Amino acid sequence: MKADAIVQNGIVKTLCRMCDTRCGTGVYLRDGIMVDIRPNEDNPVNKGRMCNRGVAAIDLFYHPDRILKPRKRLSDGNFSEISWDQAMDEISARMLKIKKTYGARAIAAWKGEALGFFQQEEDRVDGHESAGLSHAVHVGDGRRDSKRCQAGGGGYAV
């Protein structure tokens, strides 16, 4: 899988998306393909360190079993690939039905680790009335302590 990268060969300084800490990284590209991820020594958050989770990002991105398109569970328990439009239509219809039947507080959303930006925006979303909003526990926050587990504390000092 090739990335539509502006830089085809070289290092792109970016932020790790494996947790909310957003450690500074350098992604090494060869012919538009990620070949290595290393900590950014100049980043004040992780200070040249990177946890195992961040190092594993390439393996997860290129894993052959990575799901790239929506899937719908069939009556026999198997899954069938569907379009993004169909998935969004079906999910939104079901959520609206739940809201109409049971009220907005019956809807819960799981944000996961890598969607911390959503937390910053959630108060700005019109009509957001759900009390069932949650996100994963932050194992570490490099802004407070760069030696904690997910903030480069795994020890990869390069």
N, C-alpha and C. Protein backbone atom coordinates (compact mmCIF):
# COMPACT_ATOMS: atom_id res chain seq x y z
N MET A 1 0.85 -1.17 0.00
CA MET A 1 0.00 0.00 0.00
C MET A 1 0.90 1.23 0.00
N LYS A 2 0.82 2.02 -1.02
CA LYS A 2 1.60 3.25 -1.12
C LYS A 2 0.79 4.42 -0.59
N ALA A 3 1.48 5.31 0.08
CA ALA A 3 0.83 6.53 0.56
C ALA A 3 0.90 7.58 -0.54
N ASP A 4 -0.11 8.41 -0.63
CA ASP A 4 -0.08 9.54 -1.55
C ASP A 4 0.69 10.66 -0.88
N ALA A 5 1.97 10.45 -0.74
CA ALA A 5 2.80 11.38 0.01
C ALA A 5 3.40 12.43 -0.90
N ILE A 6 3.53 13.64 -0.37
CA ILE A 6 4.24 14.69 -1.09
C ILE A 6 5.72 14.32 -1.14
N VAL A 7 6.22 13.81 -0.01
CA VAL A 7 7.61 13.35 0.06
C VAL A 7 7.62 11.86 -0.26
N GLN A 8 8.27 11.48 -1.32
CA GLN A 8 8.35 10.06 -1.68
C GLN A 8 9.54 9.38 -1.00
N ASN A 9 10.61 10.13 -0.81
CA ASN A 9 11.82 9.61 -0.19
C ASN A 9 12.33 10.63 0.81
N GLY A 10 12.63 10.17 2.02
CA GLY A 10 13.16 11.07 3.03
C GLY A 10 12.42 10.92 4.34
N ILE A 11 12.56 11.93 5.18
CA ILE A 11 11.98 11.91 6.52
C ILE A 11 10.89 12.98 6.62
N VAL A 12 9.74 12.59 7.13
CA VAL A 12 8.66 13.54 7.38
C VAL A 12 8.49 13.63 8.89
N LYS A 13 8.66 14.84 9.43
CA LYS A 13 8.43 15.04 10.86
C LYS A 13 6.93 15.20 11.09
N THR A 14 6.40 14.40 12.00
CA THR A 14 4.97 14.39 12.25
C THR A 14 4.72 14.00 13.71
N LEU A 15 3.48 13.67 14.03
CA LEU A 15 3.10 13.26 15.38
C LEU A 15 2.55 11.85 15.34
N CYS A 16 2.90 11.06 16.34
CA CYS A 16 2.39 9.70 16.45
C CYS A 16 0.90 9.77 16.81
N ARG A 17 0.10 8.92 16.17
CA ARG A 17 -1.35 8.90 16.43
C ARG A 17 -1.78 7.67 17.23
N MET A 18 -0.84 6.98 17.84
CA MET A 18 -1.19 5.76 18.55
C MET A 18 -1.82 6.02 19.92
N CYS A 19 -1.70 7.25 20.43
CA CYS A 19 -2.40 7.65 21.66
C CYS A 19 -2.56 9.16 21.64
N ASP A 20 -3.19 9.70 22.66
CA ASP A 20 -3.45 11.14 22.71
C ASP A 20 -2.23 11.99 23.00
N THR A 21 -1.13 11.40 23.38
CA THR A 21 0.05 12.19 23.73
C THR A 21 0.63 12.89 22.51
N ARG A 22 0.56 12.27 21.36
CA ARG A 22 1.07 12.84 20.10
C ARG A 22 2.58 13.10 20.17
N CYS A 23 3.34 12.07 20.48
CA CYS A 23 4.80 12.21 20.50
C CYS A 23 5.31 12.61 19.12
N GLY A 24 6.36 13.41 19.11
CA GLY A 24 6.98 13.82 17.86
C GLY A 24 7.76 12.68 17.25
N THR A 25 7.58 12.46 15.95
CA THR A 25 8.25 11.37 15.26
C THR A 25 8.84 11.83 13.94
N GLY A 26 9.71 11.01 13.43
CA GLY A 26 10.20 11.15 12.07
C GLY A 26 9.83 9.89 11.33
N VAL A 27 9.04 10.02 10.27
CA VAL A 27 8.64 8.86 9.47
C VAL A 27 9.55 8.82 8.25
N TYR A 28 10.23 7.70 8.08
CA TYR A 28 11.16 7.52 6.97
C TYR A 28 10.42 6.87 5.80
N LEU A 29 10.47 7.52 4.64
CA LEU A 29 9.77 7.03 3.45
C LEU A 29 10.76 6.63 2.37
N ARG A 30 10.44 5.52 1.70
CA ARG A 30 11.19 5.10 0.53
C ARG A 30 10.16 4.76 -0.55
N ASP A 31 10.19 5.47 -1.64
CA ASP A 31 9.21 5.29 -2.73
C ASP A 31 7.78 5.41 -2.22
N GLY A 32 7.56 6.34 -1.28
CA GLY A 32 6.22 6.59 -0.76
C GLY A 32 5.74 5.58 0.27
N ILE A 33 6.60 4.65 0.67
CA ILE A 33 6.23 3.62 1.64
C ILE A 33 7.00 3.86 2.94
N MET A 34 6.28 3.78 4.07
CA MET A 34 6.94 3.94 5.37
C MET A 34 7.87 2.76 5.61
N VAL A 35 9.11 3.07 5.94
CA VAL A 35 10.07 2.00 6.22
C VAL A 35 10.58 2.05 7.66
N ASP A 36 10.40 3.17 8.33
CA ASP A 36 10.86 3.29 9.72
C ASP A 36 10.16 4.48 10.38
N ILE A 37 10.00 4.38 11.68
CA ILE A 37 9.50 5.49 12.50
C ILE A 37 10.47 5.63 13.66
N ARG A 38 10.92 6.84 13.88
CA ARG A 38 11.85 7.11 14.99
C ARG A 38 11.37 8.34 15.75
N PRO A 39 11.75 8.43 17.02
CA PRO A 39 11.35 9.61 17.79
C PRO A 39 12.05 10.87 17.29
N ASN A 40 11.36 11.99 17.41
CA ASN A 40 11.93 13.29 17.04
C ASN A 40 12.66 13.83 18.27
N GLU A 41 13.96 13.93 18.16
CA GLU A 41 14.80 14.38 19.29
C GLU A 41 14.46 15.80 19.73
N ASP A 42 13.96 16.62 18.82
CA ASP A 42 13.69 18.03 19.12
C ASP A 42 12.30 18.27 19.70
N ASN A 43 11.46 17.23 19.77
CA ASN A 43 10.10 17.41 20.24
C ASN A 43 10.07 17.52 21.76
N PRO A 44 9.43 18.58 22.31
CA PRO A 44 9.43 18.77 23.77
C PRO A 44 8.55 17.78 24.53
N VAL A 45 7.67 17.07 23.83
CA VAL A 45 6.78 16.14 24.51
C VAL A 45 7.50 14.84 24.86
N ASN A 46 8.08 14.18 23.87
CA ASN A 46 8.71 12.89 24.13
C ASN A 46 10.23 12.94 24.21
N LYS A 47 10.83 14.07 23.91
CA LYS A 47 12.26 14.31 24.13
C LYS A 47 13.15 13.20 23.58
N GLY A 48 12.87 12.78 22.35
CA GLY A 48 13.72 11.77 21.71
C GLY A 48 13.45 10.35 22.14
N ARG A 49 12.31 10.10 22.75
CA ARG A 49 11.94 8.75 23.15
C ARG A 49 10.67 8.34 22.43
N MET A 50 10.45 7.03 22.39
CA MET A 50 9.25 6.52 21.72
C MET A 50 8.87 5.18 22.34
N CYS A 51 7.60 4.98 22.61
CA CYS A 51 7.15 3.74 23.23
C CYS A 51 6.98 2.64 22.19
N ASN A 52 6.79 1.42 22.68
CA ASN A 52 6.61 0.27 21.79
C ASN A 52 5.38 0.42 20.90
N ARG A 53 4.38 1.04 21.44
CA ARG A 53 3.14 1.23 20.69
C ARG A 53 3.39 2.09 19.45
N GLY A 54 4.13 3.17 19.60
CA GLY A 54 4.46 4.03 18.47
C GLY A 54 5.35 3.34 17.46
N VAL A 55 6.30 2.56 17.95
CA VAL A 55 7.21 1.83 17.06
C VAL A 55 6.42 0.81 16.23
N ALA A 56 5.35 0.25 16.78
CA ALA A 56 4.55 -0.76 16.09
C ALA A 56 3.61 -0.17 15.05
N ALA A 57 3.54 1.13 14.93
CA ALA A 57 2.57 1.77 14.03
C ALA A 57 2.71 1.29 12.58
N ILE A 58 3.93 1.10 12.10
CA ILE A 58 4.12 0.64 10.72
C ILE A 58 3.52 -0.75 10.55
N ASP A 59 3.78 -1.64 11.50
CA ASP A 59 3.23 -3.00 11.40
C ASP A 59 1.72 -2.98 11.35
N LEU A 60 1.10 -2.12 12.15
CA LEU A 60 -0.36 -2.03 12.14
C LEU A 60 -0.87 -1.44 10.83
N PHE A 61 -0.20 -0.42 10.33
CA PHE A 61 -0.63 0.25 9.11
C PHE A 61 -0.58 -0.69 7.91
N TYR A 62 0.46 -1.51 7.84
CA TYR A 62 0.65 -2.39 6.68
C TYR A 62 0.20 -3.83 6.94
N HIS A 63 -0.45 -4.10 8.06
CA HIS A 63 -0.86 -5.47 8.37
C HIS A 63 -1.85 -5.98 7.31
N PRO A 64 -1.66 -7.21 6.83
CA PRO A 64 -2.54 -7.72 5.77
C PRO A 64 -4.00 -7.86 6.18
N ASP A 65 -4.27 -7.99 7.47
CA ASP A 65 -5.66 -8.13 7.94
C ASP A 65 -6.29 -6.81 8.35
N ARG A 66 -5.61 -5.70 8.10
CA ARG A 66 -6.17 -4.39 8.47
C ARG A 66 -7.47 -4.15 7.69
N ILE A 67 -8.49 -3.73 8.40
CA ILE A 67 -9.78 -3.46 7.76
C ILE A 67 -9.76 -2.05 7.20
N LEU A 68 -9.98 -1.92 5.90
CA LEU A 68 -9.91 -0.63 5.23
C LEU A 68 -11.26 -0.10 4.78
N LYS A 69 -12.26 -0.97 4.79
CA LYS A 69 -13.61 -0.57 4.37
C LYS A 69 -14.62 -1.11 5.37
N PRO A 70 -15.78 -0.47 5.46
CA PRO A 70 -16.80 -0.93 6.41
C PRO A 70 -17.27 -2.35 6.09
N ARG A 71 -17.63 -3.06 7.14
CA ARG A 71 -18.18 -4.41 6.98
C ARG A 71 -19.47 -4.50 7.77
N LYS A 72 -20.39 -5.26 7.23
CA LYS A 72 -21.70 -5.44 7.87
C LYS A 72 -21.82 -6.91 8.28
N ARG A 73 -22.27 -7.10 9.54
CA ARG A 73 -22.47 -8.47 10.01
C ARG A 73 -23.72 -9.06 9.35
N LEU A 74 -23.57 -10.24 8.81
CA LEU A 74 -24.68 -10.94 8.16
C LEU A 74 -25.38 -11.85 9.18
N SER A 75 -26.54 -12.37 8.80
CA SER A 75 -27.32 -13.20 9.72
C SER A 75 -26.58 -14.48 10.12
N ASP A 76 -25.66 -14.95 9.27
CA ASP A 76 -24.91 -16.17 9.60
C ASP A 76 -23.67 -15.88 10.45
N GLY A 77 -23.47 -14.60 10.83
CA GLY A 77 -22.33 -14.23 11.67
C GLY A 77 -21.11 -13.78 10.89
N ASN A 78 -21.09 -14.00 9.60
CA ASN A 78 -19.98 -13.54 8.77
C ASN A 78 -20.16 -12.06 8.45
N PHE A 79 -19.14 -11.47 7.84
CA PHE A 79 -19.17 -10.06 7.48
C PHE A 79 -19.09 -9.89 5.97
N SER A 80 -19.75 -8.85 5.49
CA SER A 80 -19.71 -8.50 4.07
C SER A 80 -19.25 -7.06 3.94
N GLU A 81 -18.33 -6.81 3.01
CA GLU A 81 -17.86 -5.45 2.79
C GLU A 81 -18.97 -4.62 2.15
N ILE A 82 -19.17 -3.40 2.69
CA ILE A 82 -20.17 -2.49 2.14
C ILE A 82 -19.52 -1.14 1.88
N SER A 83 -20.22 -0.28 1.16
CA SER A 83 -19.68 1.05 0.85
C SER A 83 -19.75 1.95 2.08
N TRP A 84 -18.94 3.00 2.06
CA TRP A 84 -18.99 3.98 3.15
C TRP A 84 -20.36 4.65 3.21
N ASP A 85 -20.93 4.96 2.06
CA ASP A 85 -22.25 5.59 2.03
C ASP A 85 -23.31 4.70 2.67
N GLN A 86 -23.30 3.41 2.33
CA GLN A 86 -24.26 2.49 2.91
C GLN A 86 -24.06 2.39 4.42
N ALA A 87 -22.82 2.28 4.85
CA ALA A 87 -22.53 2.18 6.28
C ALA A 87 -23.03 3.40 7.04
N MET A 88 -22.73 4.58 6.52
CA MET A 88 -23.16 5.81 7.20
C MET A 88 -24.68 5.93 7.22
N ASP A 89 -25.32 5.58 6.12
CA ASP A 89 -26.79 5.64 6.06
C ASP A 89 -27.42 4.69 7.09
N GLU A 90 -26.93 3.46 7.14
CA GLU A 90 -27.51 2.47 8.05
C GLU A 90 -27.25 2.83 9.52
N ILE A 91 -26.04 3.26 9.81
CA ILE A 91 -25.70 3.61 11.20
C ILE A 91 -26.50 4.83 11.65
N SER A 92 -26.56 5.85 10.81
CA SER A 92 -27.30 7.06 11.22
C SER A 92 -28.79 6.76 11.38
N ALA A 93 -29.36 5.93 10.51
CA ALA A 93 -30.78 5.58 10.64
C ALA A 93 -31.04 4.84 11.96
N ARG A 94 -30.15 3.91 12.31
CA ARG A 94 -30.32 3.16 13.56
C ARG A 94 -30.16 4.07 14.78
N MET A 95 -29.20 4.98 14.72
CA MET A 95 -29.00 5.89 15.85
C MET A 95 -30.17 6.84 16.02
N LEU A 96 -30.71 7.34 14.92
CA LEU A 96 -31.87 8.23 15.00
C LEU A 96 -33.09 7.49 15.56
N LYS A 97 -33.24 6.22 15.19
CA LYS A 97 -34.35 5.41 15.71
C LYS A 97 -34.19 5.21 17.22
N ILE A 98 -32.98 4.91 17.66
CA ILE A 98 -32.72 4.75 19.10
C ILE A 98 -33.00 6.05 19.84
N LYS A 99 -32.54 7.17 19.29
CA LYS A 99 -32.77 8.47 19.92
C LYS A 99 -34.25 8.77 20.02
N LYS A 100 -34.99 8.50 18.94
CA LYS A 100 -36.42 8.78 18.93
C LYS A 100 -37.16 7.88 19.93
N THR A 101 -36.76 6.63 20.02
CA THR A 101 -37.44 5.67 20.88
C THR A 101 -37.08 5.84 22.36
N TYR A 102 -35.79 6.04 22.64
CA TYR A 102 -35.32 6.01 24.02
C TYR A 102 -34.73 7.33 24.53
N GLY A 103 -34.58 8.31 23.65
CA GLY A 103 -33.99 9.58 24.04
C GLY A 103 -32.49 9.63 23.74
N ALA A 104 -31.97 10.84 23.70
CA ALA A 104 -30.57 11.05 23.32
C ALA A 104 -29.60 10.41 24.31
N ARG A 105 -29.99 10.28 25.56
CA ARG A 105 -29.08 9.70 26.55
C ARG A 105 -28.88 8.20 26.36
N ALA A 106 -29.61 7.59 25.45
CA ALA A 106 -29.44 6.17 25.16
C ALA A 106 -28.29 5.91 24.18
N ILE A 107 -27.71 6.96 23.64
CA ILE A 107 -26.61 6.84 22.68
C ILE A 107 -25.29 7.00 23.41
N ALA A 108 -24.39 6.07 23.20
CA ALA A 108 -23.04 6.16 23.76
C ALA A 108 -22.05 6.11 22.61
N ALA A 109 -20.94 6.79 22.79
CA ALA A 109 -19.90 6.79 21.75
C ALA A 109 -18.56 6.47 22.38
N TRP A 110 -17.82 5.58 21.78
CA TRP A 110 -16.47 5.26 22.22
C TRP A 110 -15.52 5.94 21.27
N LYS A 111 -14.64 6.77 21.79
CA LYS A 111 -13.75 7.55 20.95
C LYS A 111 -12.42 6.89 20.70
N GLY A 112 -11.99 6.02 21.58
CA GLY A 112 -10.71 5.38 21.40
C GLY A 112 -9.54 6.30 21.70
N GLU A 113 -8.36 5.75 21.78
CA GLU A 113 -7.16 6.52 22.12
C GLU A 113 -6.80 7.56 21.08
N ALA A 114 -6.83 7.20 19.84
CA ALA A 114 -6.24 8.07 18.81
C ALA A 114 -7.19 9.15 18.31
N LEU A 115 -8.26 9.39 19.01
CA LEU A 115 -9.20 10.41 18.57
C LEU A 115 -9.34 11.52 19.59
N GLY A 116 -8.26 11.90 20.22
CA GLY A 116 -8.30 12.93 21.26
C GLY A 116 -8.78 14.27 20.76
N PHE A 117 -8.59 14.53 19.46
CA PHE A 117 -9.06 15.81 18.91
C PHE A 117 -10.57 15.92 19.06
N PHE A 118 -11.27 14.79 19.06
CA PHE A 118 -12.72 14.80 19.20
C PHE A 118 -13.12 15.35 20.56
N GLN A 119 -12.32 15.03 21.57
CA GLN A 119 -12.61 15.52 22.91
C GLN A 119 -12.61 17.04 22.94
N GLN A 120 -11.72 17.67 22.20
CA GLN A 120 -11.63 19.12 22.18
C GLN A 120 -12.81 19.75 21.45
N GLU A 121 -13.39 19.02 20.53
CA GLU A 121 -14.46 19.56 19.70
C GLU A 121 -15.86 19.19 20.18
N GLU A 122 -15.96 18.23 21.10
CA GLU A 122 -17.28 17.69 21.43
C GLU A 122 -18.26 18.73 21.96
N ASP A 123 -17.78 19.73 22.66
CA ASP A 123 -18.68 20.75 23.19
C ASP A 123 -19.20 21.68 22.10
N ARG A 124 -18.57 21.66 20.94
CA ARG A 124 -18.97 22.56 19.86
C ARG A 124 -19.99 21.92 18.91
N VAL A 125 -20.23 20.65 19.08
CA VAL A 125 -21.13 19.95 18.18
C VAL A 125 -22.58 20.29 18.53
N ASP A 126 -23.30 20.82 17.58
CA ASP A 126 -24.71 21.16 17.82
C ASP A 126 -25.52 19.89 18.05
N GLY A 127 -26.39 19.95 19.03
CA GLY A 127 -27.30 18.84 19.28
C GLY A 127 -26.67 17.67 20.01
N HIS A 128 -25.44 17.81 20.47
CA HIS A 128 -24.81 16.71 21.19
C HIS A 128 -25.37 16.67 22.60
N GLU A 129 -26.22 15.68 22.86
CA GLU A 129 -26.90 15.62 24.15
C GLU A 129 -26.59 14.34 24.89
N SER A 130 -25.72 13.50 24.36
CA SER A 130 -25.50 12.19 24.96
C SER A 130 -24.59 12.27 26.17
N ALA A 131 -25.05 11.67 27.26
CA ALA A 131 -24.20 11.58 28.44
C ALA A 131 -23.28 10.37 28.33
N GLY A 132 -23.50 9.55 27.33
CA GLY A 132 -22.74 8.31 27.19
C GLY A 132 -21.50 8.45 26.34
N LEU A 133 -20.74 9.51 26.54
CA LEU A 133 -19.54 9.73 25.75
C LEU A 133 -18.34 9.30 26.57
N SER A 134 -17.49 8.48 25.98
CA SER A 134 -16.35 7.95 26.72
C SER A 134 -15.14 7.90 25.81
N HIS A 135 -13.98 7.78 26.41
CA HIS A 135 -12.79 7.51 25.61
C HIS A 135 -11.82 6.71 26.45
N ALA A 136 -10.83 6.13 25.78
CA ALA A 136 -9.91 5.22 26.45
C ALA A 136 -9.11 5.92 27.53
N VAL A 137 -8.68 5.16 28.49
CA VAL A 137 -7.86 5.67 29.57
C VAL A 137 -6.50 6.09 29.00
N HIS A 138 -6.02 7.21 29.43
CA HIS A 138 -4.70 7.66 29.01
C HIS A 138 -3.68 6.97 29.89
N VAL A 139 -2.88 6.10 29.29
CA VAL A 139 -1.87 5.40 30.06
C VAL A 139 -0.77 6.36 30.48
N GLY A 140 -0.42 7.28 29.61
CA GLY A 140 0.59 8.26 29.93
C GLY A 140 0.33 9.54 29.17
N ASP A 141 0.79 10.63 29.68
CA ASP A 141 0.63 11.90 29.00
C ASP A 141 1.97 12.61 29.04
N GLY A 142 2.63 12.63 27.91
CA GLY A 142 3.98 13.18 27.83
C GLY A 142 4.06 14.64 28.18
N ARG A 143 2.93 15.35 28.10
CA ARG A 143 2.97 16.75 28.47
C ARG A 143 3.22 16.90 29.96
N ARG A 144 2.87 15.87 30.72
CA ARG A 144 3.08 15.92 32.17
C ARG A 144 4.32 15.15 32.59
N ASP A 145 4.59 14.03 31.93
CA ASP A 145 5.68 13.18 32.38
C ASP A 145 6.16 12.33 31.22
N SER A 146 7.26 12.71 30.62
CA SER A 146 7.73 12.01 29.44
C SER A 146 8.25 10.61 29.75
N LYS A 147 8.31 10.23 31.01
CA LYS A 147 8.81 8.90 31.35
C LYS A 147 7.69 7.90 31.57
N ARG A 148 6.44 8.30 31.39
CA ARG A 148 5.34 7.38 31.59
C ARG A 148 5.19 6.47 30.38
N CYS A 149 4.43 5.43 30.55
CA CYS A 149 4.37 4.32 29.60
C CYS A 149 4.20 4.72 28.15
N GLN A 150 3.15 5.45 27.81
CA GLN A 150 2.89 5.73 26.41
C GLN A 150 3.49 7.04 25.93
N ALA A 151 4.26 7.69 26.74
CA ALA A 151 4.86 8.95 26.31
C ALA A 151 6.36 8.76 26.13
N GLY A 152 6.71 7.79 25.34
CA GLY A 152 8.12 7.56 25.08
C GLY A 152 8.81 6.85 26.22
N GLY A 153 8.07 6.39 27.21
CA GLY A 153 8.68 5.78 28.38
C GLY A 153 9.12 4.35 28.17
N GLY A 154 8.78 3.77 27.01
CA GLY A 154 9.20 2.40 26.73
C GLY A 154 10.71 2.31 26.59
N GLY A 155 11.36 3.42 26.38
CA GLY A 155 12.80 3.45 26.43
C GLY A 155 13.52 3.51 25.11
N TYR A 156 12.84 3.68 24.01
CA TYR A 156 13.54 3.77 22.74
C TYR A 156 14.16 5.14 22.59
N ALA A 157 15.28 5.35 23.23
CA ALA A 157 16.03 6.59 23.04
C ALA A 157 16.98 6.36 21.88
N VAL A 158 16.84 7.14 20.83
CA VAL A 158 17.66 6.93 19.63
C VAL A 158 18.68 8.04 19.54
